[in-house]
Amino acid sequence: MRFVASSVPGIDVPPEIVARVEQAADPEVECFDIAFELASHALAQPGVAGLHFISFRRDAGIAQLCRRLGIAPRVERETNGHSASVAL
């Protein structure tokens, strides 16, 4: 979380979130819990029809987050010759 806060342009991570992750028994699980809390809050706002998730890692974190949010996965394949994309 500290790397994201200090090295990713346009991203502002409040110090209390950085501290929450650093003090957690399992920082990865804590980051996932924070993502879930933020996404749940955003989806509960009037007029919000969806969210766009981006992962800096190649893992199943976004799929896991979508399942926890109750968003059913579906796969979309690009037809322009680039690598396949996955939409959840």
N, C-alpha and C. Protein backbone atom coordinates (compact mmCIF):
# COMPACT_ATOMS: atom_id res chain seq x y z
N MET A 1 0.83 -1.18 0.00
CA MET A 1 0.00 0.00 0.00
C MET A 1 0.87 1.25 0.00
N ARG A 2 1.97 1.17 0.71
CA ARG A 2 2.88 2.32 0.74
C ARG A 2 3.43 2.59 -0.66
N PHE A 3 3.74 1.52 -1.43
CA PHE A 3 4.23 1.70 -2.80
C PHE A 3 3.19 2.41 -3.65
N VAL A 4 1.95 1.97 -3.57
CA VAL A 4 0.87 2.60 -4.34
C VAL A 4 0.74 4.06 -3.94
N ALA A 5 0.76 4.31 -2.65
CA ALA A 5 0.61 5.68 -2.15
C ALA A 5 1.73 6.60 -2.64
N SER A 6 2.94 6.08 -2.75
CA SER A 6 4.07 6.94 -3.09
C SER A 6 4.50 6.90 -4.55
N SER A 7 4.10 5.87 -5.28
CA SER A 7 4.65 5.69 -6.63
C SER A 7 3.66 5.67 -7.78
N VAL A 8 2.38 5.63 -7.50
CA VAL A 8 1.40 5.57 -8.58
C VAL A 8 0.79 6.96 -8.78
N PRO A 9 1.09 7.57 -9.92
CA PRO A 9 0.57 8.93 -10.18
C PRO A 9 -0.96 8.98 -10.14
N GLY A 10 -1.48 10.01 -9.50
CA GLY A 10 -2.92 10.21 -9.45
C GLY A 10 -3.64 9.43 -8.37
N ILE A 11 -2.91 8.63 -7.62
CA ILE A 11 -3.52 7.84 -6.55
C ILE A 11 -3.16 8.47 -5.21
N ASP A 12 -4.18 8.74 -4.41
CA ASP A 12 -3.98 9.31 -3.08
C ASP A 12 -4.49 8.30 -2.06
N VAL A 13 -3.60 7.74 -1.28
CA VAL A 13 -3.98 6.79 -0.24
C VAL A 13 -3.83 7.49 1.10
N PRO A 14 -4.93 7.66 1.83
CA PRO A 14 -4.85 8.32 3.13
C PRO A 14 -3.89 7.59 4.09
N PRO A 15 -3.15 8.33 4.90
CA PRO A 15 -2.20 7.72 5.83
C PRO A 15 -2.85 6.68 6.75
N GLU A 16 -4.11 6.88 7.12
CA GLU A 16 -4.76 5.90 8.01
C GLU A 16 -4.99 4.57 7.30
N ILE A 17 -5.14 4.59 5.99
CA ILE A 17 -5.29 3.33 5.24
C ILE A 17 -3.94 2.62 5.16
N VAL A 18 -2.88 3.37 4.91
CA VAL A 18 -1.53 2.79 4.89
C VAL A 18 -1.24 2.16 6.25
N ALA A 19 -1.54 2.87 7.33
CA ALA A 19 -1.29 2.35 8.68
C ALA A 19 -2.13 1.10 8.95
N ARG A 20 -3.38 1.12 8.50
CA ARG A 20 -4.26 -0.04 8.70
C ARG A 20 -3.66 -1.30 8.05
N VAL A 21 -3.12 -1.14 6.84
CA VAL A 21 -2.52 -2.28 6.15
C VAL A 21 -1.23 -2.71 6.84
N GLU A 22 -0.40 -1.75 7.21
CA GLU A 22 0.87 -2.08 7.85
C GLU A 22 0.69 -2.76 9.21
N GLN A 23 -0.39 -2.46 9.90
CA GLN A 23 -0.64 -3.04 11.22
C GLN A 23 -1.43 -4.35 11.16
N ALA A 24 -1.88 -4.73 9.99
CA ALA A 24 -2.70 -5.94 9.86
C ALA A 24 -1.87 -7.20 10.00
N ALA A 25 -2.49 -8.23 10.53
CA ALA A 25 -1.83 -9.53 10.64
C ALA A 25 -1.50 -10.08 9.25
N ASP A 26 -2.39 -9.86 8.28
CA ASP A 26 -2.18 -10.28 6.90
C ASP A 26 -2.48 -9.09 5.99
N PRO A 27 -1.46 -8.35 5.59
CA PRO A 27 -1.66 -7.14 4.78
C PRO A 27 -2.43 -7.39 3.48
N GLU A 28 -2.20 -8.53 2.84
CA GLU A 28 -2.90 -8.82 1.58
C GLU A 28 -4.40 -8.96 1.81
N VAL A 29 -4.78 -9.66 2.85
CA VAL A 29 -6.20 -9.81 3.20
C VAL A 29 -6.78 -8.45 3.57
N GLU A 30 -6.02 -7.64 4.27
CA GLU A 30 -6.50 -6.31 4.67
C GLU A 30 -6.74 -5.43 3.44
N CYS A 31 -5.83 -5.50 2.47
CA CYS A 31 -6.03 -4.73 1.23
C CYS A 31 -7.30 -5.19 0.52
N PHE A 32 -7.53 -6.48 0.49
CA PHE A 32 -8.73 -7.02 -0.12
C PHE A 32 -9.97 -6.53 0.62
N ASP A 33 -9.93 -6.53 1.94
CA ASP A 33 -11.06 -6.05 2.73
C ASP A 33 -11.33 -4.57 2.47
N ILE A 34 -10.28 -3.78 2.35
CA ILE A 34 -10.43 -2.36 2.06
C ILE A 34 -11.05 -2.17 0.68
N ALA A 35 -10.57 -2.92 -0.30
CA ALA A 35 -11.14 -2.84 -1.65
C ALA A 35 -12.62 -3.19 -1.64
N PHE A 36 -12.99 -4.22 -0.89
CA PHE A 36 -14.39 -4.60 -0.78
C PHE A 36 -15.22 -3.49 -0.14
N GLU A 37 -14.72 -2.92 0.95
CA GLU A 37 -15.44 -1.85 1.63
C GLU A 37 -15.66 -0.65 0.70
N LEU A 38 -14.60 -0.24 -0.01
CA LEU A 38 -14.71 0.90 -0.91
C LEU A 38 -15.65 0.62 -2.08
N ALA A 39 -15.54 -0.58 -2.66
CA ALA A 39 -16.40 -0.93 -3.79
C ALA A 39 -17.85 -1.03 -3.35
N SER A 40 -18.10 -1.63 -2.19
CA SER A 40 -19.47 -1.74 -1.67
C SER A 40 -20.07 -0.36 -1.46
N HIS A 41 -19.28 0.54 -0.89
CA HIS A 41 -19.75 1.91 -0.66
C HIS A 41 -20.07 2.60 -1.98
N ALA A 42 -19.16 2.47 -2.95
CA ALA A 42 -19.37 3.11 -4.25
C ALA A 42 -20.62 2.56 -4.94
N LEU A 43 -20.81 1.26 -4.92
CA LEU A 43 -21.97 0.66 -5.57
C LEU A 43 -23.28 1.06 -4.90
N ALA A 44 -23.23 1.43 -3.64
CA ALA A 44 -24.44 1.82 -2.91
C ALA A 44 -24.86 3.26 -3.19
N GLN A 45 -24.03 4.01 -3.91
CA GLN A 45 -24.34 5.41 -4.19
C GLN A 45 -25.36 5.53 -5.31
N PRO A 46 -26.29 6.44 -5.19
CA PRO A 46 -27.28 6.64 -6.26
C PRO A 46 -26.59 6.98 -7.58
N GLY A 47 -27.05 6.36 -8.63
CA GLY A 47 -26.53 6.64 -9.96
C GLY A 47 -25.31 5.85 -10.36
N VAL A 48 -24.74 5.06 -9.45
CA VAL A 48 -23.57 4.24 -9.79
C VAL A 48 -24.07 2.92 -10.36
N ALA A 49 -23.73 2.68 -11.63
CA ALA A 49 -24.19 1.46 -12.31
C ALA A 49 -23.12 0.38 -12.34
N GLY A 50 -21.87 0.74 -12.08
CA GLY A 50 -20.80 -0.24 -12.12
C GLY A 50 -19.48 0.37 -11.74
N LEU A 51 -18.48 -0.46 -11.68
CA LEU A 51 -17.13 -0.02 -11.31
C LEU A 51 -16.13 -0.61 -12.29
N HIS A 52 -14.98 0.03 -12.42
CA HIS A 52 -13.91 -0.46 -13.28
C HIS A 52 -12.75 -0.82 -12.36
N PHE A 53 -12.37 -2.10 -12.32
CA PHE A 53 -11.28 -2.55 -11.47
C PHE A 53 -10.03 -2.78 -12.30
N ILE A 54 -8.89 -2.40 -11.76
CA ILE A 54 -7.60 -2.65 -12.39
C ILE A 54 -6.68 -3.24 -11.32
N SER A 55 -5.99 -4.30 -11.70
CA SER A 55 -5.05 -4.92 -10.78
C SER A 55 -3.64 -4.71 -11.30
N PHE A 56 -2.72 -4.45 -10.42
CA PHE A 56 -1.31 -4.33 -10.78
C PHE A 56 -0.64 -5.69 -10.80
N ARG A 57 -1.39 -6.73 -10.42
CA ARG A 57 -0.85 -8.08 -10.31
C ARG A 57 -1.64 -9.03 -11.20
N ARG A 58 -1.02 -10.10 -11.59
CA ARG A 58 -1.71 -11.12 -12.38
C ARG A 58 -2.16 -12.23 -11.43
N ASP A 59 -3.25 -11.98 -10.76
CA ASP A 59 -3.81 -12.99 -9.88
C ASP A 59 -5.32 -12.93 -9.97
N ALA A 60 -5.98 -13.71 -9.18
CA ALA A 60 -7.44 -13.78 -9.24
C ALA A 60 -8.10 -12.80 -8.28
N GLY A 61 -7.40 -11.78 -7.84
CA GLY A 61 -7.95 -10.85 -6.86
C GLY A 61 -9.20 -10.13 -7.31
N ILE A 62 -9.24 -9.68 -8.56
CA ILE A 62 -10.43 -8.97 -9.04
C ILE A 62 -11.61 -9.93 -9.14
N ALA A 63 -11.37 -11.14 -9.63
CA ALA A 63 -12.46 -12.12 -9.70
C ALA A 63 -12.98 -12.43 -8.31
N GLN A 64 -12.08 -12.57 -7.36
CA GLN A 64 -12.48 -12.84 -5.97
C GLN A 64 -13.29 -11.67 -5.41
N LEU A 65 -12.84 -10.45 -5.69
CA LEU A 65 -13.56 -9.27 -5.22
C LEU A 65 -14.96 -9.22 -5.83
N CYS A 66 -15.06 -9.49 -7.12
CA CYS A 66 -16.38 -9.48 -7.78
C CYS A 66 -17.30 -10.53 -7.18
N ARG A 67 -16.77 -11.72 -6.93
CA ARG A 67 -17.61 -12.77 -6.30
C ARG A 67 -18.10 -12.29 -4.94
N ARG A 68 -17.24 -11.68 -4.17
CA ARG A 68 -17.62 -11.21 -2.83
C ARG A 68 -18.67 -10.10 -2.91
N LEU A 69 -18.59 -9.29 -3.98
CA LEU A 69 -19.57 -8.22 -4.19
C LEU A 69 -20.88 -8.74 -4.79
N GLY A 70 -20.88 -10.01 -5.20
CA GLY A 70 -22.08 -10.59 -5.80
C GLY A 70 -22.19 -10.30 -7.29
N ILE A 71 -21.07 -9.98 -7.93
CA ILE A 71 -21.05 -9.71 -9.37
C ILE A 71 -20.63 -11.00 -10.07
N ALA A 72 -21.52 -11.52 -10.91
CA ALA A 72 -21.23 -12.76 -11.62
C ALA A 72 -20.18 -12.53 -12.70
N PRO A 73 -19.20 -13.44 -12.82
CA PRO A 73 -18.16 -13.27 -13.84
C PRO A 73 -18.66 -13.67 -15.23
N ARG A 74 -18.07 -13.04 -16.25
CA ARG A 74 -18.28 -13.44 -17.64
C ARG A 74 -17.00 -13.12 -18.38
N VAL A 75 -16.71 -13.85 -19.40
CA VAL A 75 -15.47 -13.66 -20.14
C VAL A 75 -15.81 -13.02 -21.48
N GLU A 76 -15.06 -11.99 -21.83
CA GLU A 76 -15.19 -11.35 -23.14
C GLU A 76 -13.86 -11.48 -23.86
N ARG A 77 -13.89 -11.85 -25.09
CA ARG A 77 -12.67 -11.96 -25.89
C ARG A 77 -12.60 -10.80 -26.86
N GLU A 78 -11.44 -10.18 -26.93
CA GLU A 78 -11.23 -9.11 -27.90
C GLU A 78 -11.01 -9.73 -29.26
N THR A 79 -11.46 -9.05 -30.30
CA THR A 79 -11.31 -9.56 -31.66
C THR A 79 -10.30 -8.75 -32.46
N ASN A 80 -9.52 -7.91 -31.80
CA ASN A 80 -8.59 -7.05 -32.53
C ASN A 80 -7.17 -7.58 -32.55
N GLY A 81 -6.96 -8.81 -32.14
CA GLY A 81 -5.62 -9.39 -32.19
C GLY A 81 -4.81 -9.21 -30.93
N HIS A 82 -5.28 -8.42 -29.99
CA HIS A 82 -4.57 -8.29 -28.73
C HIS A 82 -4.91 -9.46 -27.83
N SER A 83 -4.23 -9.55 -26.73
CA SER A 83 -4.49 -10.65 -25.80
C SER A 83 -5.92 -10.55 -25.29
N ALA A 84 -6.43 -11.66 -24.88
CA ALA A 84 -7.81 -11.73 -24.41
C ALA A 84 -8.01 -10.89 -23.17
N SER A 85 -9.16 -10.27 -23.08
CA SER A 85 -9.50 -9.51 -21.87
C SER A 85 -10.56 -10.29 -21.12
N VAL A 86 -10.66 -10.00 -19.84
CA VAL A 86 -11.67 -10.64 -19.02
C VAL A 86 -12.52 -9.55 -18.40
N ALA A 87 -13.80 -9.63 -18.58
CA ALA A 87 -14.74 -8.67 -17.97
C ALA A 87 -15.49 -9.41 -16.89
N LEU A 88 -15.57 -8.80 -15.74
CA LEU A 88 -16.30 -9.40 -14.63
C LEU A 88 -17.41 -8.50 -14.22
